[in-house]
Protein backbone atom coordinates (compact mmCIF):
# COMPACT_ATOMS: atom_id res chain seq x y z
CA MET A 1 -0.67 -4.64 14.42
CA SER A 2 -2.41 -1.25 14.73
CA ALA A 3 0.73 0.83 14.14
CA PRO A 4 1.17 -0.13 10.45
CA PHE A 5 -2.53 0.43 9.79
CA GLU A 6 -2.42 3.84 11.46
CA VAL A 7 0.70 4.76 9.49
CA LEU A 8 -0.83 3.61 6.20
CA ALA A 9 -4.05 5.53 6.81
CA GLU A 10 -2.24 8.69 5.61
CA PRO A 11 -2.49 8.90 1.77
CA ARG A 12 0.91 10.59 1.29
CA ARG A 13 2.62 7.76 3.14
CA ARG A 14 0.96 5.25 0.84
CA GLN A 15 2.21 7.32 -2.12
CA ILE A 16 5.74 7.19 -0.71
CA LEU A 17 5.51 3.40 -0.39
CA ASP A 18 4.23 3.18 -3.97
CA LEU A 19 7.26 5.15 -5.18
CA LEU A 20 9.66 3.08 -3.08
CA ARG A 21 8.10 -0.09 -4.44
CA GLN A 22 9.59 0.86 -7.82
CA ARG A 23 13.11 1.49 -6.46
CA PRO A 24 15.04 3.11 -3.58
CA ARG A 25 14.91 6.92 -3.70
CA LEU A 26 16.49 10.01 -2.23
CA VAL A 27 14.41 12.55 -0.27
CA GLY A 28 14.80 15.04 -3.12
CA GLU A 29 13.27 12.60 -5.59
CA LEU A 30 10.33 11.95 -3.30
CA THR A 31 9.89 15.70 -2.76
CA ASP A 32 9.76 16.28 -6.52
CA GLU A 33 7.39 13.37 -7.18
CA LEU A 34 4.97 14.27 -4.39
CA GLY A 35 5.10 18.06 -4.66
CA LEU A 36 5.70 18.35 -0.92
CA SER A 37 8.33 20.27 0.99
CA GLN A 38 11.50 18.45 2.04
CA PRO A 39 10.60 18.75 5.75
CA GLY A 40 7.13 17.34 5.01
CA VAL A 41 8.54 14.33 3.16
CA SER A 42 11.12 13.80 5.91
CA LYS A 43 8.38 13.72 8.57
CA HIS A 44 6.47 11.06 6.61
CA LEU A 45 9.67 9.06 6.12
CA ARG A 46 10.40 9.22 9.84
CA VAL A 47 6.95 7.80 10.65
CA LEU A 48 7.38 5.07 8.03
CA ARG A 49 10.84 4.20 9.40
CA GLU A 50 9.54 4.04 12.98
CA ALA A 51 6.82 1.63 11.82
CA GLY A 52 9.50 -0.49 10.14
CA LEU A 53 8.03 -0.06 6.66
CA VAL A 54 10.98 1.90 5.27
CA GLY A 55 14.71 1.53 5.74
CA VAL A 56 17.49 4.00 5.05
CA ARG A 57 20.91 3.28 3.58
CA GLN A 58 23.75 5.81 3.82
CA ASP A 59 25.86 6.23 0.67
CA ALA A 60 28.52 8.91 1.27
CA GLN A 61 26.46 12.10 1.70
CA ARG A 62 23.24 10.60 0.35
CA ARG A 63 20.53 8.70 2.18
CA TRP A 64 18.60 6.17 0.13
CA TYR A 65 15.14 5.21 1.36
CA GLU A 66 13.87 1.76 0.50
CA LEU A 67 10.85 -0.39 1.16
CA ARG A 68 11.11 -3.07 3.85
CA LEU A 69 9.06 -6.10 2.90
CA GLU A 70 8.80 -8.00 6.19
CA PRO A 71 6.20 -5.70 7.83
CA LEU A 72 4.15 -5.82 4.62
CA ARG A 73 4.28 -9.63 4.69
CA GLU A 74 2.91 -9.49 8.24
CA LEU A 75 0.07 -7.22 7.08
CA ASP A 76 -0.64 -9.53 4.16
CA ALA A 77 -0.76 -12.55 6.48
CA TRP A 78 -3.17 -10.73 8.78
CA LEU A 79 -5.41 -9.78 5.82
CA HIS A 80 -5.40 -13.28 4.30
CA PRO A 81 -8.46 -14.66 6.16
CA TYR A 82 -10.45 -11.56 5.23
CA ARG A 83 -9.44 -11.95 1.59
CA ILE A 84 -10.77 -15.53 1.69
CA LEU A 85 -14.13 -14.25 3.00
CA TRP A 86 -14.26 -11.64 0.24
CA ASP A 87 -13.43 -14.25 -2.42
CA ARG A 88 -16.21 -16.50 -1.10
CA ALA A 89 -18.69 -13.63 -1.25
CA LEU A 90 -17.74 -12.89 -4.85
CA ASP A 91 -18.01 -16.58 -5.76
CA ASP A 92 -21.49 -16.70 -4.18
CA LEU A 93 -22.53 -13.61 -6.15
CA GLU A 94 -21.22 -15.15 -9.38
CA ASP A 95 -23.15 -18.37 -8.68
CA HIS A 96 -26.31 -16.38 -8.00
CA LEU A 97 -25.95 -14.34 -11.19
CA ASP A 98 -25.36 -17.53 -13.19
CA THR A 99 -28.74 -18.89 -12.04
CA MET A 100 -30.64 -15.75 -13.09
CA PRO A 101 -32.51 -15.71 -16.41
CA ASP A 102 -30.81 -13.53 -19.04
CA GLU A 103 -33.68 -11.01 -19.12
CA VAL A 104 -33.34 -10.35 -15.37
CA ARG A 105 -29.54 -10.41 -15.18
CA PRO A 106 -27.95 -6.96 -14.73
CA ARG A 107 -26.02 -5.67 -17.73
CA THR A 108 -22.28 -5.22 -17.40
CA GLU A 109 -19.99 -3.14 -19.55
CA GLY A 110 -17.15 -4.89 -21.30
């Protein structure tokens, strides 16, 4: 499970995944969106492909890069128990704040 986390630790790779979440893209589109060189984007795409997070589809002379969902489902499943702990902690905080007198309760914007 460490490979996807290591791959996603790089902010530009997360940006690429965010763009691919919208739709499949060509390297040139990613280069324009990210402001990186074509070789730089290609290196990130290679790492993402090797981790299984991105797939490539050949269409004549063009290569479309697209998000692969299965590895992200695996990451989500691994994170699920931690999300439950976080939700419990937030629920406990909400319960605590609800028991505080109004004059002691911290102010929130909104």
